[in-house]
Amino acid sequence: MSGLIDKLKDVSKDALGTFVVLDDEDEAAAPDQTLAAPRGAARGSSAPAPQVPAAPAAGAAAEPDPEFVQQLKAAVDACPAKALPQFRALFDALSAVGDPATRTQLALSAAQASHGFGAAQVSAAIDERLKLLAGEKSAFEQAVKEETEQSVGAKQAQIEKTRAEITKKIEEIKALETKAAELEKGVADARGTIDANAARFAASYAVVEAELAAERARVAPFLSPAKQA
């Protein structure tokens, strides 16, 4: 089972590490994501675990993993009940018998004669292996749950935190845009007031200048030539 757990952990780290990078502080504060090996870990393969294949598309049936199959078989084959492997050996030895039922009957008869057990003992040995197999499934499902909570859960919380920060930044940007629009309106109003005052001043200046020019023209004929110049 340890090899199955290693593959589970490797694929979760590879998949999530591609998209989410925690800050240094968050990485330091993150809990230890090392899973405790469930029951039966000592029976796992010591070879380095290969990467788990990519998950199949929704609705597509998953293909059996050869290493998973090998490790599960190793787990159930550790069952101490020997009736099944002994029956298998006899059954395989009768490969020349074409009819499966006859072949099974002959193998059971040979088992009874040579080893002292029959169909009941073979069935009991199979049931014990099925219990071991169910235990492996339960341990793997628990490992999936723990890995999901530790690896996916921590990064999901980081994603939610990041999205909350994005929402906050968007609200801040909207507030700044509103403020900028208000400032632009204030600038436009101030510029309009200044331009209007400048226009009124120019018109008023022209009036006064025209009055003074008319009065000067009126008295100009009476000035000495030097003054007229």
Protein backbone atom coordinates (compact mmCIF):
# COMPACT_ATOMS: atom_id res chain seq x y z
CA MET A 1 0.00 0.00 0.00
CA SER A 2 2.88 2.41 0.63
CA GLY A 3 3.66 2.48 -3.08
CA LEU A 4 0.02 3.34 -3.87
CA ILE A 5 0.09 6.16 -1.32
CA ASP A 6 3.37 7.49 -2.74
CA LYS A 7 1.84 7.64 -6.21
CA LEU A 8 -1.22 9.41 -4.83
CA LYS A 9 0.96 12.01 -3.07
CA ASP A 10 3.22 12.52 -6.08
CA VAL A 11 0.39 13.20 -8.51
CA SER A 12 -1.36 15.59 -6.12
CA LYS A 13 1.85 17.57 -5.60
CA ASP A 14 2.64 17.67 -9.33
CA ALA A 15 -0.87 18.71 -10.32
CA LEU A 16 -1.31 21.40 -7.69
CA GLY A 17 2.27 22.66 -7.78
CA THR A 18 1.80 23.54 -11.45
CA PHE A 19 -0.94 26.07 -10.76
CA VAL A 20 -0.64 27.31 -7.17
CA VAL A 21 2.48 28.66 -5.46
CA LEU A 22 2.19 29.57 -1.81
CA ASP A 23 3.94 32.59 -0.37
CA ASP A 24 7.04 31.85 1.68
CA GLU A 25 5.16 32.60 4.91
CA ASP A 26 2.24 30.38 3.94
CA GLU A 27 4.56 27.56 2.89
CA ALA A 28 6.34 27.76 6.23
CA ALA A 29 3.03 27.70 8.09
CA ALA A 30 1.53 24.89 6.02
CA PRO A 31 1.06 21.60 7.89
CA ASP A 32 3.22 18.57 7.20
CA GLN A 33 1.65 16.84 4.22
CA THR A 34 3.41 13.49 4.74
CA LEU A 35 0.82 10.74 5.02
CA ALA A 36 1.24 7.99 7.58
CA ALA A 37 1.43 4.67 5.75
CA PRO A 38 -1.78 2.67 6.40
CA ARG A 39 -1.93 -0.96 7.46
CA GLY A 40 -0.06 -3.23 5.10
CA ALA A 41 2.61 -0.65 4.20
CA ALA A 42 5.39 -3.16 4.83
CA ARG A 43 4.07 -5.25 1.98
CA GLY A 44 4.40 -2.42 -0.57
CA SER A 45 7.00 -2.37 -3.30
CA SER A 46 10.35 -0.83 -2.42
CA ALA A 47 10.88 0.37 -6.02
CA PRO A 48 10.44 4.09 -6.72
CA ALA A 49 6.80 4.80 -7.50
CA PRO A 50 6.13 6.06 -11.05
CA GLN A 51 3.94 9.04 -11.71
CA VAL A 52 0.21 8.38 -11.74
CA PRO A 53 -1.28 8.81 -15.23
CA ALA A 54 -3.45 11.85 -15.86
CA ALA A 55 -7.04 11.48 -14.71
CA PRO A 56 -9.40 10.31 -17.46
CA ALA A 57 -11.90 12.71 -18.94
CA ALA A 58 -15.30 12.94 -17.30
CA GLY A 59 -17.40 9.93 -18.21
CA ALA A 60 -14.41 7.89 -19.44
CA ALA A 61 -13.59 4.59 -17.75
CA ALA A 62 -10.21 4.52 -16.01
CA GLU A 63 -7.68 1.91 -17.11
CA PRO A 64 -6.24 -0.44 -14.45
CA ASP A 65 -2.79 0.60 -13.27
CA PRO A 66 -0.37 -2.37 -13.59
CA GLU A 67 1.54 -1.35 -10.48
CA PHE A 68 -1.64 -0.92 -8.45
CA VAL A 69 -2.72 -4.39 -9.56
CA GLN A 70 0.71 -5.83 -8.65
CA GLN A 71 0.74 -4.26 -5.19
CA LEU A 72 -2.85 -5.30 -4.43
CA LYS A 73 -2.06 -8.87 -5.46
CA ALA A 74 1.04 -8.80 -3.25
CA ALA A 75 -1.10 -7.64 -0.34
CA VAL A 76 -3.68 -10.40 -0.68
CA ASP A 77 -1.04 -13.05 -1.41
CA ALA A 78 0.41 -12.35 2.03
CA CYS A 79 -2.65 -14.12 3.46
CA PRO A 80 -1.46 -17.10 5.56
CA ALA A 81 -4.25 -19.39 4.32
CA LYS A 82 -2.44 -21.75 1.92
CA ALA A 83 -5.44 -23.60 0.50
CA LEU A 84 -5.87 -21.16 -2.41
CA PRO A 85 -2.27 -21.15 -3.78
CA GLN A 86 -2.13 -24.93 -3.43
CA PHE A 87 -5.43 -25.27 -5.30
CA ARG A 88 -4.15 -22.87 -7.97
CA ALA A 89 -1.04 -24.98 -8.46
CA LEU A 90 -3.14 -28.10 -8.96
CA PHE A 91 -5.59 -26.30 -11.22
CA ASP A 92 -2.74 -24.99 -13.39
CA ALA A 93 -1.21 -28.44 -13.58
CA LEU A 94 -4.46 -29.70 -15.12
CA SER A 95 -4.33 -27.24 -18.03
CA ALA A 96 -4.81 -30.14 -20.46
CA VAL A 97 -8.40 -30.57 -19.21
CA GLY A 98 -10.56 -28.38 -21.42
CA ASP A 99 -13.78 -28.22 -19.38
CA PRO A 100 -13.39 -25.69 -16.50
CA ALA A 101 -15.84 -27.47 -14.21
CA THR A 102 -14.15 -30.83 -14.68
CA ARG A 103 -10.76 -29.23 -14.22
CA THR A 104 -11.90 -27.60 -10.97
CA GLN A 105 -13.36 -30.85 -9.67
CA LEU A 106 -10.17 -32.76 -10.45
CA ALA A 107 -8.05 -30.06 -8.78
CA LEU A 108 -10.23 -30.17 -5.65
CA SER A 109 -10.04 -33.97 -5.56
CA ALA A 110 -6.27 -33.79 -5.85
CA ALA A 111 -6.15 -31.16 -3.09
CA GLN A 112 -8.21 -33.36 -0.81
CA ALA A 113 -5.99 -36.34 -1.52
CA SER A 114 -2.63 -34.57 -1.25
CA HIS A 115 -3.27 -31.73 1.21
CA GLY A 116 -6.40 -32.73 3.06
CA PHE A 117 -8.65 -29.79 2.14
CA GLY A 118 -11.58 -29.27 -0.21
CA ALA A 119 -13.79 -26.58 -1.70
CA ALA A 120 -14.80 -25.16 1.70
CA GLN A 121 -11.19 -24.44 2.65
CA VAL A 122 -10.45 -22.90 -0.75
CA SER A 123 -13.54 -20.71 -0.45
CA ALA A 124 -12.54 -19.65 3.08
CA ALA A 125 -9.04 -18.75 1.84
CA ILE A 126 -10.58 -16.62 -0.92
CA ASP A 127 -12.84 -14.87 1.62
CA GLU A 128 -9.82 -14.02 3.78
CA ARG A 129 -8.08 -12.49 0.78
CA LEU A 130 -11.21 -10.51 -0.08
CA LYS A 131 -11.15 -9.08 3.46
CA LEU A 132 -7.51 -8.10 3.01
CA LEU A 133 -8.36 -6.51 -0.34
CA ALA A 134 -11.22 -4.56 1.23
CA GLY A 135 -8.80 -3.38 3.93
CA GLU A 136 -6.41 -2.11 1.25
CA LYS A 137 -9.28 -0.23 -0.39
CA SER A 138 -10.33 1.31 2.93
CA ALA A 139 -6.74 2.37 3.69
CA PHE A 140 -6.33 3.91 0.24
CA GLU A 141 -9.63 5.79 0.48
CA GLN A 142 -8.56 7.16 3.87
CA ALA A 143 -5.25 8.23 2.34
CA VAL A 144 -7.11 9.95 -0.49
CA LYS A 145 -9.23 11.82 2.06
CA GLU A 146 -6.20 12.89 4.11
CA GLU A 147 -4.20 13.93 1.05
CA THR A 148 -7.17 15.91 -0.23
CA GLU A 149 -7.56 17.70 3.11
CA GLN A 150 -3.84 18.45 3.44
CA SER A 151 -2.69 19.16 -0.11
CA VAL A 152 -5.86 20.29 -1.86
CA GLY A 153 -7.47 21.85 1.21
CA ALA A 154 -4.50 24.08 2.06
CA LYS A 155 -4.13 25.31 -1.49
CA GLN A 156 -7.89 25.74 -1.91
CA ALA A 157 -7.86 28.00 1.14
CA GLN A 158 -5.02 29.96 -0.47
CA ILE A 159 -7.03 30.25 -3.69
CA GLU A 160 -10.04 31.56 -1.78
CA LYS A 161 -7.83 34.03 0.07
CA THR A 162 -6.34 35.21 -3.23
CA ARG A 163 -9.78 35.60 -4.80
CA ALA A 164 -10.91 37.62 -1.78
CA GLU A 165 -7.88 39.87 -2.27
CA ILE A 166 -8.75 40.22 -5.97
CA THR A 167 -12.31 41.23 -5.04
CA LYS A 168 -10.95 43.76 -2.56
CA LYS A 169 -8.56 45.19 -5.16
CA ILE A 170 -11.41 45.46 -7.69
CA GLU A 171 -13.48 47.38 -5.13
CA GLU A 172 -10.50 49.65 -4.42
CA ILE A 173 -10.02 50.26 -8.16
CA LYS A 174 -13.71 51.10 -8.54
CA ALA A 175 -13.46 53.53 -5.63
CA LEU A 176 -10.38 55.13 -7.19
CA GLU A 177 -12.14 55.37 -10.55
CA THR A 178 -15.08 57.10 -8.86
CA LYS A 179 -12.72 59.48 -7.10
CA ALA A 180 -10.87 60.18 -10.35
CA ALA A 181 -14.17 60.91 -12.10
CA GLU A 182 -15.13 63.31 -9.32
CA LEU A 183 -11.76 65.06 -9.56
CA GLU A 184 -12.09 65.33 -13.34
CA LYS A 185 -15.53 66.89 -12.91
CA GLY A 186 -14.08 69.31 -10.36
CA VAL A 187 -11.29 70.23 -12.78
CA ALA A 188 -13.81 70.75 -15.61
CA ASP A 189 -16.02 72.91 -13.40
CA ALA A 190 -13.06 74.98 -12.20
CA ARG A 191 -11.77 75.40 -15.75
CA GLY A 192 -15.25 76.44 -16.92
CA THR A 193 -15.52 79.02 -14.14
CA ILE A 194 -12.06 80.41 -14.89
CA ASP A 195 -12.72 80.58 -18.62
CA ALA A 196 -16.08 82.31 -18.04
CA ASN A 197 -14.50 84.87 -15.73
CA ALA A 198 -11.69 85.46 -18.23
CA ALA A 199 -14.24 85.98 -20.99
CA ARG A 200 -16.25 88.43 -18.90
CA PHE A 201 -13.08 90.29 -17.95
CA ALA A 202 -12.05 90.57 -21.60
CA ALA A 203 -15.50 91.90 -22.54
CA SER A 204 -15.46 94.37 -19.65
CA TYR A 205 -11.93 95.47 -20.54
CA ALA A 206 -13.05 96.12 -24.11
CA VAL A 207 -15.94 98.29 -22.91
CA VAL A 208 -13.77 100.45 -20.70
CA GLU A 209 -11.04 100.63 -23.32
CA ALA A 210 -13.56 101.68 -25.97
CA GLU A 211 -14.97 104.42 -23.70
CA LEU A 212 -11.52 105.81 -23.02
CA ALA A 213 -10.60 105.64 -26.69
CA ALA A 214 -13.79 107.58 -27.61
CA GLU A 215 -13.09 110.27 -25.04
CA ARG A 216 -9.49 110.59 -26.25
CA ALA A 217 -10.70 110.94 -29.81
CA ARG A 218 -13.08 113.66 -28.67
CA VAL A 219 -10.40 115.83 -27.12
CA ALA A 220 -7.69 115.05 -29.66
CA PRO A 221 -8.51 117.99 -32.00
CA PHE A 222 -7.87 120.41 -29.23
CA LEU A 223 -4.42 119.17 -28.39
CA SER A 224 -1.23 120.80 -29.58
CA PRO A 225 0.53 119.02 -32.42
CA ALA A 226 3.11 117.77 -29.99
CA LYS A 227 0.40 116.29 -27.71
CA GLN A 228 -1.45 114.72 -30.63
CA ALA A 229 1.68 112.86 -31.53
